[in-house]
Amino acid sequence: MNGHNHAGNYGKHGNCHHVNIRGMVETEKESAYAVVKCFPDCLEIEGCGLEPDRSLGGL
């Protein structure tokens, strides 16, 4: 996970998920952040504002 890609981004290479959280500096009227919930077999990312929800399974 990385938090400095202004537009945000996601990619997967094999079983490795790559997540960039959106930069808050790009959000004039709405925020962009996330809460990550960790489980033994997945990560649940609850996006807030402009950041989307994601479910990263297969960990």
C-alpha atoms as a PDB file:
ATOM      1  CA  MET A   1       0.000   0.000   0.000  1.00  0.00           C
ATOM      2  CA  ASN A   2       1.152   3.462  -0.822  1.00  0.00           C
ATOM      3  CA  GLY A   3      -0.457   6.791  -0.099  1.00  0.00           C
ATOM      4  CA  HIS A   4       1.037   9.179  -2.602  1.00  0.00           C
ATOM      5  CA  ASN A   5      -0.490   8.776  -6.040  1.00  0.00           C
ATOM      6  CA  HIS A   6      -2.752  11.780  -6.546  1.00  0.00           C
ATOM      7  CA  ALA A   7      -5.142   9.947  -8.878  1.00  0.00           C
ATOM      8  CA  GLY A   8      -5.006   6.666  -6.929  1.00  0.00           C
ATOM      9  CA  ASN A   9      -4.292   3.346  -8.594  1.00  0.00           C
ATOM     10  CA  TYR A  10      -4.664  -0.422  -8.282  1.00  0.00           C
ATOM     11  CA  GLY A  11      -2.900  -3.325  -9.912  1.00  0.00           C
ATOM     12  CA  LYS A  12      -2.346  -7.003  -9.298  1.00  0.00           C
ATOM     13  CA  HIS A  13       0.698  -9.039 -10.287  1.00  0.00           C
ATOM     14  CA  GLY A  14       0.222 -12.710  -9.524  1.00  0.00           C
ATOM     15  CA  ASN A  15      -1.124 -12.859  -5.969  1.00  0.00           C
ATOM     16  CA  CYS A  16       0.339  -9.469  -5.016  1.00  0.00           C
ATOM     17  CA  HIS A  17      -2.074  -6.519  -4.805  1.00  0.00           C
ATOM     18  CA  HIS A  18      -0.719  -2.994  -5.306  1.00  0.00           C
ATOM     19  CA  VAL A  19      -2.902  -0.180  -3.911  1.00  0.00           C
ATOM     20  CA  ASN A  20      -2.273   3.568  -4.043  1.00  0.00           C
ATOM     21  CA  ILE A  21      -4.660   5.656  -1.968  1.00  0.00           C
ATOM     22  CA  ARG A  22      -5.765   8.901  -3.629  1.00  0.00           C
ATOM     23  CA  GLY A  23      -4.044  12.104  -2.598  1.00  0.00           C
ATOM     24  CA  MET A  24      -6.163  14.346  -0.393  1.00  0.00           C
ATOM     25  CA  VAL A  25      -4.586  17.440  -1.977  1.00  0.00           C
ATOM     26  CA  GLU A  26      -6.623  16.762  -5.155  1.00  0.00           C
ATOM     27  CA  THR A  27      -9.956  16.859  -3.338  1.00  0.00           C
ATOM     28  CA  GLU A  28     -11.199  20.425  -2.975  1.00  0.00           C
ATOM     29  CA  LYS A  29     -14.684  19.645  -1.625  1.00  0.00           C
ATOM     30  CA  GLU A  30     -14.484  15.980  -0.657  1.00  0.00           C
ATOM     31  CA  SER A  31     -11.886  13.998   1.249  1.00  0.00           C
ATOM     32  CA  ALA A  32     -10.164  10.782   0.185  1.00  0.00           C
ATOM     33  CA  TYR A  33      -9.016   8.265   2.765  1.00  0.00           C
ATOM     34  CA  ALA A  34      -9.617   4.649   3.704  1.00  0.00           C
ATOM     35  CA  VAL A  35      -9.936   2.300   6.647  1.00  0.00           C
ATOM     36  CA  VAL A  36      -8.331  -1.121   6.159  1.00  0.00           C
ATOM     37  CA  LYS A  37      -9.687  -4.201   7.931  1.00  0.00           C
ATOM     38  CA  CYS A  38      -7.288  -7.151   8.016  1.00  0.00           C
ATOM     39  CA  PHE A  39      -8.510 -10.753   7.992  1.00  0.00           C
ATOM     40  CA  PRO A  40      -6.515 -13.993   7.642  1.00  0.00           C
ATOM     41  CA  ASP A  41      -7.457 -14.414   3.969  1.00  0.00           C
ATOM     42  CA  CYS A  42      -8.250 -10.899   2.740  1.00  0.00           C
ATOM     43  CA  LEU A  43      -8.078  -7.147   3.252  1.00  0.00           C
ATOM     44  CA  GLU A  44     -11.252  -5.060   3.168  1.00  0.00           C
ATOM     45  CA  ILE A  45     -10.643  -1.430   2.270  1.00  0.00           C
ATOM     46  CA  GLU A  46     -13.530   0.870   3.184  1.00  0.00           C
ATOM     47  CA  GLY A  47     -13.044   3.981   1.083  1.00  0.00           C
ATOM     48  CA  CYS A  48     -14.302   7.346   2.260  1.00  0.00           C
ATOM     49  CA  GLY A  49     -15.051  10.317   0.035  1.00  0.00           C
ATOM     50  CA  LEU A  50     -13.397   9.845  -3.350  1.00  0.00           C
ATOM     51  CA  GLU A  51     -11.539   6.653  -2.372  1.00  0.00           C
ATOM     52  CA  PRO A  52     -13.383   3.507  -3.566  1.00  0.00           C
ATOM     53  CA  ASP A  53     -14.099   0.395  -1.501  1.00  0.00           C
ATOM     54  CA  ARG A  54     -11.951  -2.624  -2.354  1.00  0.00           C
ATOM     55  CA  SER A  55     -11.889  -6.267  -1.322  1.00  0.00           C
ATOM     56  CA  LEU A  56      -8.491  -7.877  -1.784  1.00  0.00           C
ATOM     57  CA  GLY A  57      -8.855 -11.620  -1.478  1.00  0.00           C
ATOM     58  CA  GLY A  58      -6.483 -14.432  -2.196  1.00  0.00           C
ATOM     59  CA  LEU A  59      -3.866 -13.371   0.339  1.00  0.00           C
END
